[in-house]
N, C-alpha and C. Protein backbone atom coordinates (compact mmCIF):
# COMPACT_ATOMS: atom_id res chain seq x y z
N MET A 1 0.85 -1.17 0.00
CA MET A 1 0.00 0.00 0.00
C MET A 1 0.89 1.22 0.00
N ARG A 2 0.49 2.19 -0.74
CA ARG A 2 1.19 3.46 -0.77
C ARG A 2 0.15 4.55 -0.81
N GLY A 3 0.49 5.67 -0.25
CA GLY A 3 -0.45 6.76 -0.33
C GLY A 3 0.15 8.01 0.26
N PRO A 4 -0.37 9.17 -0.15
CA PRO A 4 0.15 10.40 0.44
C PRO A 4 -0.20 10.46 1.91
N THR A 5 0.74 10.91 2.70
CA THR A 5 0.55 11.04 4.13
C THR A 5 0.85 12.47 4.51
N TYR A 6 0.01 13.07 5.32
CA TYR A 6 0.27 14.43 5.79
C TYR A 6 1.04 14.34 7.09
N SER A 7 2.26 14.79 7.07
CA SER A 7 3.13 14.69 8.22
C SER A 7 3.66 16.07 8.57
N LEU A 8 3.29 16.55 9.76
CA LEU A 8 3.72 17.87 10.21
C LEU A 8 3.42 18.94 9.15
N GLY A 9 2.23 18.82 8.52
CA GLY A 9 1.81 19.82 7.55
C GLY A 9 2.33 19.58 6.15
N ALA A 10 3.15 18.59 5.94
CA ALA A 10 3.71 18.33 4.62
C ALA A 10 3.11 17.04 4.07
N VAL A 11 3.02 16.95 2.74
CA VAL A 11 2.54 15.74 2.10
C VAL A 11 3.73 14.85 1.82
N THR A 12 3.68 13.62 2.28
CA THR A 12 4.74 12.65 2.00
C THR A 12 4.11 11.42 1.37
N ASN A 13 4.92 10.57 0.83
CA ASN A 13 4.44 9.34 0.22
C ASN A 13 5.08 8.19 0.99
N GLU A 14 4.39 7.71 1.99
CA GLU A 14 4.92 6.69 2.89
C GLU A 14 4.43 5.31 2.51
N ARG A 15 5.25 4.33 2.74
CA ARG A 15 4.86 2.95 2.51
C ARG A 15 4.09 2.45 3.73
N VAL A 16 3.01 1.73 3.48
CA VAL A 16 2.20 1.12 4.54
C VAL A 16 2.25 -0.37 4.30
N PHE A 17 2.50 -1.14 5.35
CA PHE A 17 2.69 -2.58 5.21
C PHE A 17 1.46 -3.35 5.65
N VAL A 18 1.05 -4.32 4.83
CA VAL A 18 -0.04 -5.22 5.21
C VAL A 18 0.55 -6.24 6.18
N ARG A 19 0.03 -6.28 7.40
CA ARG A 19 0.56 -7.15 8.45
C ARG A 19 -0.16 -8.49 8.53
N ASP A 20 -1.44 -8.49 8.16
CA ASP A 20 -2.24 -9.71 8.25
C ASP A 20 -3.48 -9.53 7.39
N ARG A 21 -4.14 -10.62 7.08
CA ARG A 21 -5.41 -10.54 6.36
C ARG A 21 -6.30 -11.69 6.77
N HIS A 22 -7.58 -11.48 6.66
CA HIS A 22 -8.57 -12.47 7.09
C HIS A 22 -9.20 -13.13 5.86
N TYR A 23 -9.19 -14.45 5.86
CA TYR A 23 -9.81 -15.21 4.78
C TYR A 23 -11.18 -15.69 5.23
N ALA A 24 -12.21 -15.30 4.49
CA ALA A 24 -13.58 -15.72 4.82
C ALA A 24 -13.86 -17.02 4.07
N ALA A 25 -13.96 -18.10 4.81
CA ALA A 25 -14.18 -19.41 4.20
C ALA A 25 -15.53 -19.50 3.50
N ALA A 26 -16.53 -18.79 4.01
CA ALA A 26 -17.87 -18.85 3.42
C ALA A 26 -17.89 -18.25 2.01
N THR A 27 -17.13 -17.19 1.78
CA THR A 27 -17.13 -16.53 0.47
C THR A 27 -15.86 -16.84 -0.33
N HIS A 28 -14.94 -17.57 0.27
CA HIS A 28 -13.67 -17.97 -0.38
C HIS A 28 -12.88 -16.77 -0.88
N GLU A 29 -12.74 -15.76 -0.01
CA GLU A 29 -11.97 -14.58 -0.38
C GLU A 29 -11.39 -13.93 0.86
N PHE A 30 -10.35 -13.13 0.63
CA PHE A 30 -9.81 -12.32 1.70
C PHE A 30 -10.70 -11.09 1.83
N THR A 31 -11.18 -10.84 3.04
CA THR A 31 -12.15 -9.75 3.22
C THR A 31 -11.60 -8.59 4.02
N THR A 32 -10.60 -8.80 4.83
CA THR A 32 -10.08 -7.74 5.68
C THR A 32 -8.55 -7.78 5.68
N ASN A 33 -7.92 -6.62 5.49
CA ASN A 33 -6.48 -6.48 5.61
C ASN A 33 -6.16 -5.63 6.82
N TYR A 34 -5.11 -6.00 7.53
CA TYR A 34 -4.63 -5.22 8.67
C TYR A 34 -3.29 -4.63 8.26
N PHE A 35 -3.14 -3.33 8.42
CA PHE A 35 -1.92 -2.68 7.95
C PHE A 35 -1.29 -1.86 9.06
N GLN A 36 -0.02 -1.48 8.83
CA GLN A 36 0.72 -0.68 9.79
C GLN A 36 1.69 0.22 9.04
N ALA A 37 1.80 1.46 9.50
CA ALA A 37 2.77 2.41 8.97
C ALA A 37 3.76 2.72 10.09
N TYR A 38 5.05 2.62 9.79
CA TYR A 38 6.08 2.83 10.80
C TYR A 38 6.64 4.24 10.73
N ASP A 39 6.95 4.77 11.91
CA ASP A 39 7.70 6.02 12.05
C ASP A 39 7.09 7.19 11.27
N VAL A 40 5.78 7.34 11.34
CA VAL A 40 5.11 8.47 10.72
C VAL A 40 5.07 9.60 11.75
N GLU A 41 5.66 10.74 11.40
CA GLU A 41 5.65 11.87 12.32
C GLU A 41 4.27 12.51 12.32
N LEU A 42 3.76 12.76 13.50
CA LEU A 42 2.44 13.36 13.65
C LEU A 42 2.57 14.78 14.18
N ALA A 43 1.71 15.65 13.69
CA ALA A 43 1.65 17.01 14.20
C ALA A 43 0.65 17.04 15.35
N PRO A 44 0.84 17.90 16.34
CA PRO A 44 -0.18 18.04 17.37
C PRO A 44 -1.50 18.44 16.72
N GLY A 45 -2.58 17.83 17.17
CA GLY A 45 -3.89 18.14 16.59
C GLY A 45 -4.30 17.10 15.57
N THR A 46 -5.00 17.55 14.52
CA THR A 46 -5.58 16.64 13.53
C THR A 46 -4.59 16.29 12.44
N ASN A 47 -4.47 15.01 12.15
CA ASN A 47 -3.63 14.48 11.08
C ASN A 47 -4.53 13.68 10.15
N VAL A 48 -4.47 13.96 8.87
CA VAL A 48 -5.32 13.27 7.89
C VAL A 48 -4.44 12.39 7.02
N PHE A 49 -4.84 11.13 6.88
CA PHE A 49 -4.12 10.19 6.04
C PHE A 49 -5.02 9.79 4.89
N HIS A 50 -4.48 9.81 3.69
CA HIS A 50 -5.18 9.33 2.50
C HIS A 50 -4.50 8.03 2.12
N LEU A 51 -5.23 6.94 2.19
CA LEU A 51 -4.66 5.63 1.89
C LEU A 51 -5.17 5.14 0.54
N ARG A 52 -4.27 4.58 -0.25
CA ARG A 52 -4.62 4.02 -1.55
C ARG A 52 -3.99 2.64 -1.64
N ALA A 53 -4.81 1.64 -1.92
CA ALA A 53 -4.33 0.26 -2.05
C ALA A 53 -4.64 -0.23 -3.45
N THR A 54 -3.69 -0.96 -4.01
CA THR A 54 -3.88 -1.56 -5.33
C THR A 54 -3.66 -3.05 -5.20
N ASP A 55 -4.63 -3.84 -5.65
CA ASP A 55 -4.47 -5.30 -5.57
C ASP A 55 -3.73 -5.80 -6.81
N ARG A 56 -3.52 -7.10 -6.87
CA ARG A 56 -2.74 -7.68 -7.97
C ARG A 56 -3.43 -7.54 -9.32
N ALA A 57 -4.75 -7.40 -9.30
CA ALA A 57 -5.49 -7.23 -10.55
C ALA A 57 -5.53 -5.77 -11.01
N GLY A 58 -4.97 -4.87 -10.20
CA GLY A 58 -4.93 -3.46 -10.57
C GLY A 58 -6.10 -2.66 -10.04
N ASN A 59 -6.98 -3.27 -9.26
CA ASN A 59 -8.10 -2.54 -8.67
C ASN A 59 -7.58 -1.62 -7.58
N VAL A 60 -8.05 -0.38 -7.57
CA VAL A 60 -7.58 0.63 -6.62
C VAL A 60 -8.70 0.98 -5.65
N THR A 61 -8.37 0.99 -4.37
CA THR A 61 -9.31 1.43 -3.34
C THR A 61 -8.66 2.56 -2.58
N GLU A 62 -9.41 3.63 -2.34
CA GLU A 62 -8.89 4.77 -1.59
C GLU A 62 -9.80 5.07 -0.42
N THR A 63 -9.19 5.52 0.66
CA THR A 63 -9.96 5.90 1.84
C THR A 63 -9.18 6.96 2.61
N ASN A 64 -9.85 7.65 3.50
CA ASN A 64 -9.21 8.65 4.36
C ASN A 64 -9.29 8.17 5.81
N PHE A 65 -8.31 8.58 6.57
CA PHE A 65 -8.25 8.24 7.98
C PHE A 65 -7.78 9.47 8.72
N THR A 66 -8.51 9.85 9.76
CA THR A 66 -8.14 11.03 10.55
C THR A 66 -7.71 10.59 11.94
N PHE A 67 -6.59 11.13 12.37
CA PHE A 67 -6.05 10.81 13.69
C PHE A 67 -5.78 12.12 14.42
N VAL A 68 -6.32 12.24 15.62
CA VAL A 68 -6.11 13.45 16.42
C VAL A 68 -5.09 13.14 17.51
N LEU A 69 -4.00 13.87 17.50
CA LEU A 69 -2.93 13.68 18.48
C LEU A 69 -3.07 14.74 19.56
N GLU A 70 -3.36 14.30 20.77
CA GLU A 70 -3.53 15.22 21.89
C GLU A 70 -2.36 15.06 22.87
N PRO A 71 -1.85 16.17 23.38
CA PRO A 71 -0.72 16.07 24.31
C PRO A 71 -1.14 15.45 25.64
N ASP A 72 -0.18 14.83 26.29
CA ASP A 72 -0.43 14.33 27.64
C ASP A 72 0.48 15.06 28.61
N THR A 73 0.27 14.85 29.88
CA THR A 73 1.08 15.51 30.90
C THR A 73 1.82 14.52 31.78
N GLU A 74 1.74 13.24 31.44
CA GLU A 74 2.39 12.20 32.24
C GLU A 74 3.81 11.94 31.75
N PRO A 75 4.78 11.95 32.64
CA PRO A 75 6.14 11.61 32.23
C PRO A 75 6.23 10.10 31.96
N PRO A 76 7.24 9.69 31.22
CA PRO A 76 7.42 8.26 30.97
C PRO A 76 7.68 7.51 32.28
N ALA A 77 7.21 6.28 32.34
CA ALA A 77 7.51 5.41 33.49
C ALA A 77 8.67 4.51 33.10
N LEU A 78 9.52 4.22 34.07
CA LEU A 78 10.73 3.44 33.82
C LEU A 78 10.75 2.24 34.76
N THR A 79 11.08 1.08 34.22
CA THR A 79 11.21 -0.15 35.02
C THR A 79 12.57 -0.77 34.72
N PHE A 80 13.31 -1.11 35.75
CA PHE A 80 14.62 -1.74 35.56
C PHE A 80 14.43 -3.25 35.46
N THR A 81 15.06 -3.85 34.44
CA THR A 81 15.08 -5.30 34.30
C THR A 81 16.30 -5.86 35.01
N TRP A 82 17.48 -5.29 34.71
CA TRP A 82 18.73 -5.70 35.34
C TRP A 82 19.75 -4.61 35.17
N PRO A 83 20.55 -4.36 36.14
CA PRO A 83 20.42 -4.78 37.53
C PRO A 83 19.36 -3.95 38.24
N LYS A 84 18.87 -4.46 39.31
CA LYS A 84 17.90 -3.73 40.12
C LYS A 84 18.65 -2.68 40.95
N PRO A 85 18.00 -1.58 41.31
CA PRO A 85 18.66 -0.57 42.14
C PRO A 85 19.21 -1.19 43.43
N GLY A 86 20.44 -0.81 43.77
CA GLY A 86 21.09 -1.32 44.97
C GLY A 86 21.86 -2.61 44.76
N ALA A 87 21.85 -3.15 43.54
CA ALA A 87 22.54 -4.41 43.26
C ALA A 87 24.04 -4.26 43.44
N VAL A 88 24.67 -5.36 43.84
CA VAL A 88 26.12 -5.42 43.95
C VAL A 88 26.63 -6.09 42.68
N ILE A 89 27.51 -5.39 41.97
CA ILE A 89 28.03 -5.85 40.68
C ILE A 89 29.52 -6.06 40.80
N ALA A 90 30.00 -7.21 40.38
CA ALA A 90 31.44 -7.51 40.43
C ALA A 90 32.02 -7.31 39.03
N ALA A 91 32.06 -6.05 38.59
CA ALA A 91 32.60 -5.73 37.27
C ALA A 91 33.01 -4.26 37.23
N ASP A 92 33.82 -3.92 36.23
CA ASP A 92 34.24 -2.53 36.04
C ASP A 92 33.19 -1.71 35.31
N LYS A 93 32.37 -2.38 34.49
CA LYS A 93 31.32 -1.71 33.71
C LYS A 93 30.06 -2.56 33.78
N VAL A 94 28.92 -1.89 33.53
CA VAL A 94 27.64 -2.60 33.58
C VAL A 94 26.74 -2.06 32.47
N THR A 95 25.90 -2.93 31.93
CA THR A 95 24.86 -2.53 31.00
C THR A 95 23.54 -2.60 31.75
N VAL A 96 22.89 -1.46 31.88
CA VAL A 96 21.60 -1.39 32.57
C VAL A 96 20.52 -1.60 31.53
N ARG A 97 19.58 -2.51 31.83
CA ARG A 97 18.48 -2.81 30.91
C ARG A 97 17.15 -2.57 31.59
N GLY A 98 16.14 -2.24 30.80
CA GLY A 98 14.82 -2.03 31.36
C GLY A 98 13.81 -1.65 30.30
N TRP A 99 12.69 -1.10 30.76
CA TRP A 99 11.59 -0.74 29.88
C TRP A 99 11.11 0.68 30.17
N LEU A 100 10.77 1.40 29.11
CA LEU A 100 10.06 2.67 29.20
C LEU A 100 8.65 2.43 28.67
N ASP A 101 7.65 3.01 29.32
CA ASP A 101 6.28 2.80 28.83
C ASP A 101 5.96 3.68 27.63
N ASP A 102 6.89 4.53 27.21
CA ASP A 102 6.72 5.40 26.06
C ASP A 102 7.96 5.23 25.18
N ALA A 103 7.78 4.54 24.05
CA ALA A 103 8.92 4.25 23.18
C ALA A 103 9.47 5.48 22.48
N THR A 104 8.75 6.61 22.53
CA THR A 104 9.26 7.84 21.91
C THR A 104 10.19 8.59 22.85
N ALA A 105 10.29 8.14 24.08
CA ALA A 105 11.12 8.84 25.08
C ALA A 105 12.61 8.61 24.82
N THR A 106 13.39 9.59 25.22
CA THR A 106 14.85 9.42 25.25
C THR A 106 15.25 9.20 26.70
N LEU A 107 16.35 8.51 26.90
CA LEU A 107 16.83 8.22 28.25
C LEU A 107 18.33 8.47 28.30
N THR A 108 18.77 9.24 29.29
CA THR A 108 20.19 9.49 29.49
C THR A 108 20.55 9.20 30.94
N ALA A 109 21.80 8.82 31.14
CA ALA A 109 22.34 8.61 32.48
C ALA A 109 23.49 9.59 32.67
N GLN A 110 23.55 10.20 33.85
CA GLN A 110 24.65 11.10 34.20
C GLN A 110 25.30 10.59 35.48
N TRP A 111 26.61 10.78 35.57
CA TRP A 111 27.33 10.43 36.78
C TRP A 111 28.57 11.31 36.87
N VAL A 112 29.10 11.41 38.07
CA VAL A 112 30.30 12.21 38.29
C VAL A 112 31.45 11.25 38.55
N ALA A 113 32.49 11.40 37.74
CA ALA A 113 33.68 10.57 37.88
C ALA A 113 34.81 11.42 38.44
N PRO A 114 35.71 10.79 39.17
CA PRO A 114 36.84 11.55 39.69
C PRO A 114 37.61 12.18 38.54
N PRO A 115 38.07 13.37 38.65
CA PRO A 115 38.09 14.29 39.78
C PRO A 115 36.94 15.29 39.73
N GLY A 116 35.72 14.85 39.59
CA GLY A 116 34.56 15.75 39.58
C GLY A 116 34.03 16.04 38.18
N GLN A 117 34.38 15.22 37.22
CA GLN A 117 33.94 15.42 35.84
C GLN A 117 32.58 14.74 35.63
N THR A 118 31.60 15.50 35.09
CA THR A 118 30.28 14.95 34.81
C THR A 118 30.30 14.24 33.46
N ASN A 119 29.78 13.02 33.44
CA ASN A 119 29.73 12.22 32.22
C ASN A 119 28.28 11.88 31.90
N GLU A 120 28.01 11.56 30.63
CA GLU A 120 26.65 11.26 30.22
C GLU A 120 26.66 10.13 29.19
N CYS A 121 25.64 9.30 29.25
CA CYS A 121 25.49 8.19 28.31
C CYS A 121 24.03 8.15 27.88
N GLU A 122 23.79 8.07 26.56
CA GLU A 122 22.42 8.00 26.06
C GLU A 122 22.05 6.55 25.81
N ALA A 123 20.84 6.18 26.21
CA ALA A 123 20.37 4.80 26.06
C ALA A 123 19.93 4.54 24.63
N VAL A 124 19.99 3.28 24.26
CA VAL A 124 19.35 2.79 23.04
C VAL A 124 17.94 2.40 23.46
N VAL A 125 16.92 3.00 22.81
CA VAL A 125 15.53 2.68 23.12
C VAL A 125 14.92 2.03 21.89
N GLU A 126 14.41 0.80 22.06
CA GLU A 126 13.81 0.08 20.95
C GLU A 126 12.40 0.58 20.65
N ARG A 127 11.85 0.11 19.56
CA ARG A 127 10.53 0.49 19.09
C ARG A 127 9.43 0.25 20.12
N HIS A 128 9.57 -0.75 20.97
CA HIS A 128 8.53 -1.07 21.96
C HIS A 128 8.89 -0.62 23.37
N GLY A 129 9.98 0.14 23.53
CA GLY A 129 10.30 0.72 24.82
C GLY A 129 11.41 0.05 25.61
N ARG A 130 11.92 -1.10 25.14
CA ARG A 130 13.04 -1.73 25.85
C ARG A 130 14.28 -0.86 25.65
N PHE A 131 15.08 -0.70 26.72
CA PHE A 131 16.27 0.16 26.60
C PHE A 131 17.50 -0.53 27.15
N TRP A 132 18.67 0.00 26.74
CA TRP A 132 19.98 -0.39 27.25
C TRP A 132 20.79 0.87 27.48
N LEU A 133 21.46 0.91 28.61
CA LEU A 133 22.50 1.90 28.87
C LEU A 133 23.79 1.10 28.95
N ARG A 134 24.58 1.15 27.90
CA ARG A 134 25.75 0.28 27.78
C ARG A 134 27.00 0.92 28.37
N GLY A 135 27.77 0.10 29.05
CA GLY A 135 29.11 0.50 29.48
C GLY A 135 29.18 1.53 30.57
N LEU A 136 28.21 1.54 31.49
CA LEU A 136 28.30 2.49 32.61
C LEU A 136 29.44 2.05 33.51
N PRO A 137 30.38 2.94 33.81
CA PRO A 137 31.54 2.57 34.61
C PRO A 137 31.18 2.43 36.09
N LEU A 138 31.81 1.48 36.74
CA LEU A 138 31.61 1.29 38.17
C LEU A 138 32.93 1.51 38.89
N SER A 139 32.95 2.47 39.81
CA SER A 139 34.11 2.70 40.67
C SER A 139 33.94 1.86 41.92
N ALA A 140 34.99 1.70 42.68
CA ALA A 140 34.91 0.93 43.92
C ALA A 140 33.88 1.56 44.85
N GLY A 141 33.05 0.74 45.46
CA GLY A 141 32.05 1.24 46.40
C GLY A 141 30.73 1.57 45.73
N THR A 142 30.05 2.59 46.26
CA THR A 142 28.72 2.97 45.79
C THR A 142 28.81 3.92 44.60
N ASN A 143 27.99 3.67 43.58
CA ASN A 143 27.95 4.47 42.37
C ASN A 143 26.54 5.02 42.19
N GLU A 144 26.44 6.34 41.99
CA GLU A 144 25.14 7.01 41.82
C GLU A 144 25.01 7.47 40.38
N PHE A 145 23.90 7.10 39.75
CA PHE A 145 23.58 7.53 38.39
C PHE A 145 22.26 8.29 38.44
N ILE A 146 22.18 9.38 37.71
CA ILE A 146 20.93 10.14 37.57
C ILE A 146 20.39 9.81 36.19
N LEU A 147 19.19 9.24 36.14
CA LEU A 147 18.56 8.89 34.88
C LEU A 147 17.46 9.88 34.57
N LYS A 148 17.42 10.31 33.31
CA LYS A 148 16.44 11.31 32.88
C LYS A 148 15.76 10.80 31.61
N ALA A 149 14.43 10.60 31.70
CA ALA A 149 13.63 10.17 30.55
C ALA A 149 12.73 11.33 30.14
N VAL A 150 12.74 11.67 28.84
CA VAL A 150 11.96 12.78 28.31
C VAL A 150 11.14 12.27 27.13
N ASP A 151 9.80 12.50 27.17
CA ASP A 151 8.96 12.04 26.06
C ASP A 151 8.79 13.13 25.00
N ALA A 152 8.00 12.85 23.98
CA ALA A 152 7.81 13.78 22.87
C ALA A 152 7.18 15.10 23.29
N TRP A 153 6.44 15.11 24.40
CA TRP A 153 5.80 16.34 24.89
C TRP A 153 6.68 17.05 25.91
N THR A 154 7.89 16.61 26.08
CA THR A 154 8.89 17.11 27.04
C THR A 154 8.50 16.84 28.49
N ASN A 155 7.58 15.90 28.73
CA ASN A 155 7.33 15.45 30.10
C ASN A 155 8.57 14.69 30.54
N THR A 156 9.04 14.97 31.74
CA THR A 156 10.34 14.46 32.18
C THR A 156 10.24 13.67 33.47
N LEU A 157 10.92 12.54 33.48
CA LEU A 157 11.08 11.73 34.69
C LEU A 157 12.56 11.76 35.05
N VAL A 158 12.87 12.08 36.30
CA VAL A 158 14.25 12.03 36.79
C VAL A 158 14.25 11.08 37.98
N THR A 159 15.15 10.10 37.93
CA THR A 159 15.25 9.14 39.02
C THR A 159 16.72 8.78 39.24
N ASN A 160 17.02 8.21 40.38
CA ASN A 160 18.39 7.81 40.71
C ASN A 160 18.52 6.29 40.63
N LEU A 161 19.70 5.86 40.26
CA LEU A 161 20.03 4.44 40.27
C LEU A 161 21.34 4.30 41.04
N THR A 162 21.28 3.53 42.11
CA THR A 162 22.47 3.28 42.92
C THR A 162 22.91 1.84 42.69
N LEU A 163 24.18 1.67 42.32
CA LEU A 163 24.77 0.35 42.15
C LEU A 163 26.05 0.30 42.96
N VAL A 164 26.37 -0.85 43.48
CA VAL A 164 27.56 -1.03 44.30
C VAL A 164 28.50 -1.96 43.58
N ARG A 165 29.74 -1.51 43.45
CA ARG A 165 30.75 -2.40 42.85
C ARG A 165 31.32 -3.26 43.96
N GLY A 166 31.09 -4.53 43.83
CA GLY A 166 31.60 -5.48 44.81
C GLY A 166 33.00 -5.92 44.43
N ALA A 167 33.57 -6.76 45.27
CA ALA A 167 34.90 -7.28 45.02
C ALA A 167 34.87 -8.13 43.76
N LEU A 168 35.90 -7.96 42.95
CA LEU A 168 36.01 -8.80 41.77
C LEU A 168 36.49 -10.17 42.21
N TRP A 169 35.78 -11.18 41.82
CA TRP A 169 36.14 -12.54 42.23
C TRP A 169 37.28 -13.02 41.38
N GLY A 170 38.31 -13.52 42.02
CA GLY A 170 39.43 -14.10 41.29
C GLY A 170 39.42 -15.61 41.49
N PHE A 171 39.75 -16.33 40.46
CA PHE A 171 39.77 -17.78 40.56
C PHE A 171 41.21 -18.25 40.38
N ARG A 172 41.62 -19.11 41.31
CA ARG A 172 42.95 -19.69 41.21
C ARG A 172 42.85 -20.91 40.33
N PRO A 173 43.70 -21.04 39.36
CA PRO A 173 43.59 -22.22 38.50
C PRO A 173 43.82 -23.49 39.31
N ALA A 174 43.15 -24.52 38.90
CA ALA A 174 43.32 -25.82 39.56
C ALA A 174 44.77 -26.27 39.39
N PRO A 175 45.32 -26.97 40.38
CA PRO A 175 46.71 -27.42 40.24
C PRO A 175 46.84 -28.36 39.05
N ALA A 176 48.01 -28.28 38.42
CA ALA A 176 48.28 -29.17 37.28
C ALA A 176 48.29 -30.61 37.75
N PHE A 177 48.09 -31.50 36.87
CA PHE A 177 48.06 -32.92 37.21
C PHE A 177 49.19 -33.64 36.50
N PRO A 178 50.44 -33.29 36.88
CA PRO A 178 51.58 -33.91 36.18
C PRO A 178 51.82 -35.33 36.70
N ALA A 179 52.48 -36.09 35.86
CA ALA A 179 52.82 -37.46 36.25
C ALA A 179 54.00 -37.46 37.22
N HIS A 180 54.66 -36.34 37.35
CA HIS A 180 55.81 -36.27 38.23
C HIS A 180 55.97 -34.87 38.79
N GLN A 181 56.77 -34.72 39.80
CA GLN A 181 57.08 -33.42 40.36
C GLN A 181 58.19 -32.78 39.53
N ALA A 182 58.26 -31.47 39.59
CA ALA A 182 59.29 -30.76 38.83
C ALA A 182 60.65 -31.30 39.24
N GLY A 183 61.48 -31.54 38.24
CA GLY A 183 62.84 -32.02 38.50
C GLY A 183 62.95 -33.54 38.43
N GLU A 184 61.85 -34.25 38.49
CA GLU A 184 61.90 -35.70 38.39
C GLU A 184 61.70 -36.11 36.94
N ASP A 185 62.40 -37.15 36.51
CA ASP A 185 62.24 -37.64 35.15
C ASP A 185 61.75 -39.07 35.22
N THR A 186 60.51 -39.27 34.89
CA THR A 186 59.95 -40.61 34.96
C THR A 186 60.01 -41.30 33.62
N GLY A 187 60.31 -40.52 32.57
CA GLY A 187 60.37 -41.12 31.24
C GLY A 187 58.99 -41.19 30.60
N ALA A 188 57.93 -40.89 31.37
CA ALA A 188 56.58 -40.91 30.79
C ALA A 188 56.27 -39.59 30.12
N PRO A 189 55.57 -39.63 29.00
CA PRO A 189 55.22 -38.37 28.36
C PRO A 189 54.24 -37.58 29.20
N LEU A 190 54.31 -36.29 29.13
CA LEU A 190 53.39 -35.44 29.86
C LEU A 190 52.14 -35.20 29.07
C-alpha cells in the first residue's frame, strides 16, 4: 500500500505494510487487511491520512483516515530489568536494561567521575520501549547515576540508580596434574 501522508503539515508518500489478512471461508476470499505504517511523524492536533491500495489485478481502493494527536502531561515510566537498584556488581562496567512505557522517550544517564567530571550516556531505546545503557563505569564502592527520561511532549522523569561495585572474584587455577614433580624424570610423556 502506498499513499500520500500528511506529516507535520507536509505531504509525503509513505509505505504502509499489510501485516495480516482475514480469509472468509464462506465466500472464499480475503475480506479484511490489517496494515501498519512505521515512524510516521504526527503534528499536534488533527492528522489526515489518505490511503490508496492496489491489488494484484490493478483494482484501486482509496480511503481517508483522521487521527487526532492530543498532548499528555504524564512523564514516561521506567522499570529496571537488570540490575535492580542497589545491586552489587562484580565488574568494572555494567549494562543497565529495562523498559520505558513510552517508546518515543529518550533516556540518558549522568554520573560524576573523579576528579569531579560529569559524564553522560544516552540509552538505546527500541521500538517497543526496551532500553539499554551500555558500558556504565563502576568505581569501587557505591555508584550514583541520575537517569532522565523525556517524552515527545517534554514530560520528564528524573530518578536515581544506585549500584555497588563489589569485590572482583578471582579464581585460582586448579593445580596441574603432572605425572611427576618438577625435576623428576619418569620417562613418561606429559
